[in-house]
Amino acid sequence: MSNTKSVVHVETADVRVTEWLLPPGSSTTSLRGDCDVVIVPLTKGRIAIRSKGDRRTLSADPGAAIFCSAPIEGSATNEGNSTLAFVEIDLKDSVKRLISA
């Protein structure tokens, strides 16, 4: 996970927005949570999403959102040859309650 960088841009009771920069072969920290997550790639590449033993590799295209439903337990790995940048949007429980109401 060397050189992986993350910056939390927004943190409220409803949402957390984190920007990630992953060099080739690096991964996010292990994620655990019971909220839905939307990943929005900023650069083109390949991203492997690992959750609870399941692994899927996806094309990361700028602006093409990837939805991961809760519960989340895993990580994201850059499987490309260049730095992968993406925004992770965690939809916390209060947002889920608003949507289902």
N, C-alpha and C. Protein backbone atom coordinates (compact mmCIF):
# COMPACT_ATOMS: atom_id res chain seq x y z
N MET A 1 0.83 -1.19 0.00
CA MET A 1 0.00 0.00 0.00
C MET A 1 0.87 1.25 0.00
N SER A 2 2.14 1.14 -0.28
CA SER A 2 3.01 2.30 -0.27
C SER A 2 2.57 3.33 -1.31
N ASN A 3 2.71 4.59 -0.95
CA ASN A 3 2.37 5.74 -1.79
C ASN A 3 0.88 5.92 -2.04
N THR A 4 0.03 5.10 -1.44
CA THR A 4 -1.41 5.31 -1.54
C THR A 4 -1.75 6.57 -0.76
N LYS A 5 -2.56 7.44 -1.38
CA LYS A 5 -2.94 8.67 -0.70
C LYS A 5 -4.45 8.80 -0.69
N SER A 6 -4.97 9.29 0.42
CA SER A 6 -6.40 9.56 0.50
C SER A 6 -6.61 10.88 1.23
N VAL A 7 -7.63 11.62 0.77
CA VAL A 7 -7.99 12.89 1.37
C VAL A 7 -9.51 12.90 1.54
N VAL A 8 -9.96 13.09 2.77
CA VAL A 8 -11.39 13.22 3.03
C VAL A 8 -11.77 14.67 2.76
N HIS A 9 -12.63 14.89 1.76
CA HIS A 9 -13.05 16.24 1.38
C HIS A 9 -14.31 16.68 2.10
N VAL A 10 -15.20 15.73 2.41
CA VAL A 10 -16.47 16.04 3.08
C VAL A 10 -16.73 14.94 4.10
N GLU A 11 -17.13 15.34 5.31
CA GLU A 11 -17.51 14.38 6.34
C GLU A 11 -18.67 14.98 7.12
N THR A 12 -19.86 14.40 6.94
CA THR A 12 -21.04 14.83 7.68
C THR A 12 -21.72 13.60 8.26
N ALA A 13 -22.84 13.80 8.93
CA ALA A 13 -23.61 12.68 9.45
C ALA A 13 -24.21 11.86 8.31
N ASP A 14 -24.33 12.44 7.13
CA ASP A 14 -24.99 11.78 6.00
C ASP A 14 -24.04 11.14 4.99
N VAL A 15 -22.87 11.74 4.80
CA VAL A 15 -22.00 11.31 3.71
C VAL A 15 -20.53 11.58 4.05
N ARG A 16 -19.67 10.73 3.49
CA ARG A 16 -18.22 10.99 3.54
C ARG A 16 -17.72 10.88 2.10
N VAL A 17 -16.93 11.86 1.67
CA VAL A 17 -16.38 11.88 0.31
C VAL A 17 -14.86 11.88 0.43
N THR A 18 -14.25 10.80 -0.11
CA THR A 18 -12.80 10.63 -0.01
C THR A 18 -12.22 10.50 -1.41
N GLU A 19 -11.15 11.23 -1.67
CA GLU A 19 -10.41 11.11 -2.93
C GLU A 19 -9.23 10.17 -2.69
N TRP A 20 -9.07 9.19 -3.57
CA TRP A 20 -7.98 8.22 -3.47
C TRP A 20 -7.06 8.34 -4.67
N LEU A 21 -5.75 8.21 -4.42
CA LEU A 21 -4.73 8.10 -5.47
C LEU A 21 -3.97 6.81 -5.21
N LEU A 22 -4.08 5.85 -6.14
CA LEU A 22 -3.45 4.54 -5.98
C LEU A 22 -2.44 4.30 -7.09
N PRO A 23 -1.16 4.22 -6.76
CA PRO A 23 -0.17 3.83 -7.77
C PRO A 23 -0.44 2.39 -8.22
N PRO A 24 0.14 1.97 -9.34
CA PRO A 24 -0.07 0.60 -9.81
C PRO A 24 0.25 -0.43 -8.72
N GLY A 25 -0.65 -1.39 -8.56
CA GLY A 25 -0.46 -2.47 -7.60
C GLY A 25 -0.82 -2.15 -6.17
N SER A 26 -1.13 -0.90 -5.87
CA SER A 26 -1.45 -0.54 -4.49
C SER A 26 -2.94 -0.67 -4.22
N SER A 27 -3.28 -0.71 -2.91
CA SER A 27 -4.67 -0.92 -2.49
C SER A 27 -5.08 0.11 -1.46
N THR A 28 -6.40 0.28 -1.34
CA THR A 28 -6.94 1.07 -0.25
C THR A 28 -6.76 0.28 1.04
N THR A 29 -6.92 0.94 2.16
CA THR A 29 -6.94 0.23 3.42
C THR A 29 -8.15 -0.69 3.41
N SER A 30 -8.15 -1.68 4.27
CA SER A 30 -9.30 -2.57 4.36
C SER A 30 -10.50 -1.77 4.84
N LEU A 31 -11.58 -1.85 4.08
CA LEU A 31 -12.78 -1.08 4.37
C LEU A 31 -13.80 -1.96 5.07
N ARG A 32 -14.45 -1.41 6.09
CA ARG A 32 -15.53 -2.11 6.78
C ARG A 32 -16.61 -1.10 7.05
N GLY A 33 -17.81 -1.43 6.68
CA GLY A 33 -18.91 -0.51 6.96
C GLY A 33 -20.23 -1.07 6.53
N ASP A 34 -21.27 -0.48 7.07
CA ASP A 34 -22.61 -0.93 6.73
C ASP A 34 -23.36 0.12 5.93
N CYS A 35 -22.61 0.90 5.15
CA CYS A 35 -23.26 1.87 4.27
C CYS A 35 -22.92 1.55 2.82
N ASP A 36 -23.81 1.94 1.92
CA ASP A 36 -23.56 1.78 0.50
C ASP A 36 -22.44 2.74 0.09
N VAL A 37 -21.71 2.36 -0.97
CA VAL A 37 -20.58 3.16 -1.44
C VAL A 37 -20.70 3.34 -2.95
N VAL A 38 -20.41 4.56 -3.41
CA VAL A 38 -20.32 4.86 -4.84
C VAL A 38 -18.88 5.26 -5.12
N ILE A 39 -18.27 4.61 -6.10
CA ILE A 39 -16.90 4.93 -6.52
C ILE A 39 -16.99 5.60 -7.88
N VAL A 40 -16.38 6.78 -8.00
CA VAL A 40 -16.38 7.52 -9.26
C VAL A 40 -14.93 7.69 -9.72
N PRO A 41 -14.50 6.93 -10.73
CA PRO A 41 -13.14 7.05 -11.23
C PRO A 41 -12.89 8.44 -11.84
N LEU A 42 -11.70 8.95 -11.59
CA LEU A 42 -11.27 10.22 -12.19
C LEU A 42 -10.30 9.98 -13.34
N THR A 43 -9.69 8.80 -13.34
CA THR A 43 -8.75 8.42 -14.40
C THR A 43 -9.12 7.03 -14.92
N LYS A 44 -8.63 6.71 -16.10
CA LYS A 44 -8.91 5.41 -16.71
C LYS A 44 -7.96 4.36 -16.13
N GLY A 45 -8.47 3.14 -15.96
CA GLY A 45 -7.63 2.07 -15.46
C GLY A 45 -8.42 0.82 -15.17
N ARG A 46 -7.83 -0.06 -14.37
CA ARG A 46 -8.49 -1.30 -13.93
C ARG A 46 -8.48 -1.32 -12.42
N ILE A 47 -9.62 -1.63 -11.83
CA ILE A 47 -9.75 -1.65 -10.39
C ILE A 47 -10.33 -2.99 -9.96
N ALA A 48 -9.67 -3.63 -9.01
CA ALA A 48 -10.16 -4.89 -8.45
C ALA A 48 -10.80 -4.57 -7.11
N ILE A 49 -12.04 -4.97 -6.95
CA ILE A 49 -12.76 -4.74 -5.71
C ILE A 49 -12.92 -6.08 -5.01
N ARG A 50 -12.40 -6.16 -3.80
CA ARG A 50 -12.46 -7.39 -3.03
C ARG A 50 -13.36 -7.16 -1.83
N SER A 51 -14.35 -8.01 -1.67
CA SER A 51 -15.26 -7.89 -0.53
C SER A 51 -15.70 -9.28 -0.08
N LYS A 52 -15.45 -9.58 1.17
CA LYS A 52 -15.85 -10.85 1.78
C LYS A 52 -15.47 -12.06 0.93
N GLY A 53 -14.24 -12.10 0.47
CA GLY A 53 -13.76 -13.23 -0.29
C GLY A 53 -14.09 -13.19 -1.77
N ASP A 54 -15.01 -12.34 -2.18
CA ASP A 54 -15.37 -12.20 -3.59
C ASP A 54 -14.47 -11.13 -4.20
N ARG A 55 -14.04 -11.35 -5.44
CA ARG A 55 -13.18 -10.39 -6.11
C ARG A 55 -13.69 -10.16 -7.52
N ARG A 56 -13.83 -8.89 -7.88
CA ARG A 56 -14.23 -8.58 -9.26
C ARG A 56 -13.34 -7.47 -9.77
N THR A 57 -12.90 -7.61 -11.03
CA THR A 57 -12.06 -6.61 -11.66
C THR A 57 -12.90 -5.86 -12.69
N LEU A 58 -12.85 -4.54 -12.60
CA LEU A 58 -13.68 -3.69 -13.45
C LEU A 58 -12.83 -2.67 -14.19
N SER A 59 -13.32 -2.23 -15.34
CA SER A 59 -12.72 -1.10 -16.01
C SER A 59 -13.14 0.16 -15.29
N ALA A 60 -12.17 1.00 -15.00
CA ALA A 60 -12.45 2.29 -14.38
C ALA A 60 -12.39 3.33 -15.48
N ASP A 61 -13.53 3.90 -15.80
CA ASP A 61 -13.62 4.94 -16.82
C ASP A 61 -14.02 6.24 -16.14
N PRO A 62 -13.35 7.34 -16.43
CA PRO A 62 -13.65 8.60 -15.77
C PRO A 62 -15.14 8.94 -15.80
N GLY A 63 -15.70 9.19 -14.64
CA GLY A 63 -17.10 9.58 -14.51
C GLY A 63 -18.09 8.44 -14.47
N ALA A 64 -17.67 7.21 -14.78
CA ALA A 64 -18.58 6.06 -14.79
C ALA A 64 -18.65 5.48 -13.39
N ALA A 65 -19.72 5.74 -12.67
CA ALA A 65 -19.85 5.35 -11.27
C ALA A 65 -19.97 3.84 -11.11
N ILE A 66 -19.39 3.35 -10.00
CA ILE A 66 -19.46 1.95 -9.61
C ILE A 66 -20.17 1.92 -8.26
N PHE A 67 -21.24 1.13 -8.14
CA PHE A 67 -22.02 1.06 -6.90
C PHE A 67 -21.68 -0.24 -6.16
N CYS A 68 -21.44 -0.12 -4.86
CA CYS A 68 -21.18 -1.28 -4.00
C CYS A 68 -22.18 -1.23 -2.85
N SER A 69 -23.03 -2.24 -2.75
CA SER A 69 -24.04 -2.22 -1.70
C SER A 69 -23.48 -2.75 -0.39
N ALA A 70 -24.05 -2.26 0.69
CA ALA A 70 -23.63 -2.65 2.04
C ALA A 70 -24.07 -4.08 2.32
N PRO A 71 -23.43 -4.76 3.21
CA PRO A 71 -22.26 -4.31 3.97
C PRO A 71 -20.98 -4.44 3.15
N ILE A 72 -20.04 -3.55 3.41
CA ILE A 72 -18.76 -3.53 2.70
C ILE A 72 -17.68 -4.05 3.64
N GLU A 73 -16.89 -4.97 3.14
CA GLU A 73 -15.74 -5.46 3.89
C GLU A 73 -14.72 -5.91 2.88
N GLY A 74 -13.73 -5.06 2.62
CA GLY A 74 -12.75 -5.40 1.61
C GLY A 74 -11.87 -4.23 1.26
N SER A 75 -11.38 -4.22 0.00
CA SER A 75 -10.48 -3.17 -0.45
C SER A 75 -10.57 -3.02 -1.96
N ALA A 76 -9.95 -1.97 -2.46
CA ALA A 76 -9.85 -1.73 -3.90
C ALA A 76 -8.38 -1.69 -4.27
N THR A 77 -8.01 -2.37 -5.36
CA THR A 77 -6.62 -2.45 -5.79
C THR A 77 -6.49 -1.94 -7.23
N ASN A 78 -5.46 -1.15 -7.48
CA ASN A 78 -5.18 -0.67 -8.83
C ASN A 78 -4.45 -1.76 -9.59
N GLU A 79 -5.09 -2.31 -10.62
CA GLU A 79 -4.47 -3.36 -11.43
C GLU A 79 -3.95 -2.82 -12.76
N GLY A 80 -3.92 -1.50 -12.88
CA GLY A 80 -3.41 -0.89 -14.11
C GLY A 80 -1.94 -0.54 -14.03
N ASN A 81 -1.46 0.14 -15.08
CA ASN A 81 -0.04 0.51 -15.17
C ASN A 81 0.24 1.95 -14.81
N SER A 82 -0.79 2.72 -14.48
CA SER A 82 -0.60 4.11 -14.09
C SER A 82 -1.44 4.40 -12.85
N THR A 83 -1.15 5.53 -12.22
CA THR A 83 -1.87 5.89 -10.99
C THR A 83 -3.35 6.00 -11.27
N LEU A 84 -4.14 5.40 -10.39
CA LEU A 84 -5.60 5.44 -10.48
C LEU A 84 -6.12 6.43 -9.46
N ALA A 85 -6.95 7.35 -9.91
CA ALA A 85 -7.58 8.32 -9.01
C ALA A 85 -9.08 8.10 -9.05
N PHE A 86 -9.69 8.10 -7.87
CA PHE A 86 -11.14 7.97 -7.82
C PHE A 86 -11.68 8.63 -6.56
N VAL A 87 -12.96 8.93 -6.59
CA VAL A 87 -13.66 9.49 -5.44
C VAL A 87 -14.57 8.40 -4.88
N GLU A 88 -14.49 8.18 -3.58
CA GLU A 88 -15.34 7.22 -2.88
C GLU A 88 -16.37 8.01 -2.09
N ILE A 89 -17.64 7.71 -2.32
CA ILE A 89 -18.73 8.39 -1.63
C ILE A 89 -19.45 7.37 -0.76
N ASP A 90 -19.30 7.51 0.55
CA ASP A 90 -19.95 6.63 1.51
C ASP A 90 -21.29 7.24 1.91
N LEU A 91 -22.38 6.51 1.61
CA LEU A 91 -23.73 6.96 1.95
C LEU A 91 -24.08 6.39 3.31
N LYS A 92 -24.02 7.20 4.32
CA LYS A 92 -24.21 6.73 5.69
C LYS A 92 -25.67 6.39 5.97
N ASP A 93 -25.93 5.79 7.11
CA ASP A 93 -27.25 5.29 7.47
C ASP A 93 -28.36 6.33 7.35
N SER A 94 -28.09 7.57 7.71
CA SER A 94 -29.14 8.59 7.65
C SER A 94 -29.61 8.81 6.22
N VAL A 95 -28.70 8.69 5.24
CA VAL A 95 -29.09 8.83 3.83
C VAL A 95 -29.94 7.64 3.41
N LYS A 96 -29.58 6.45 3.85
CA LYS A 96 -30.35 5.25 3.50
C LYS A 96 -31.77 5.36 4.04
N ARG A 97 -31.91 5.91 5.26
CA ARG A 97 -33.25 6.08 5.83
C ARG A 97 -34.07 7.08 5.02
N LEU A 98 -33.45 8.16 4.55
CA LEU A 98 -34.16 9.15 3.74
C LEU A 98 -34.63 8.56 2.42
N ILE A 99 -33.76 7.76 1.78
CA ILE A 99 -34.10 7.18 0.49
C ILE A 99 -35.23 6.17 0.62
N SER A 100 -35.23 5.38 1.68
CA SER A 100 -36.25 4.34 1.83
C SER A 100 -37.57 4.86 2.39
N ALA A 101 -37.61 6.10 2.82
CA ALA A 101 -38.84 6.67 3.40
C ALA A 101 -39.86 7.01 2.33
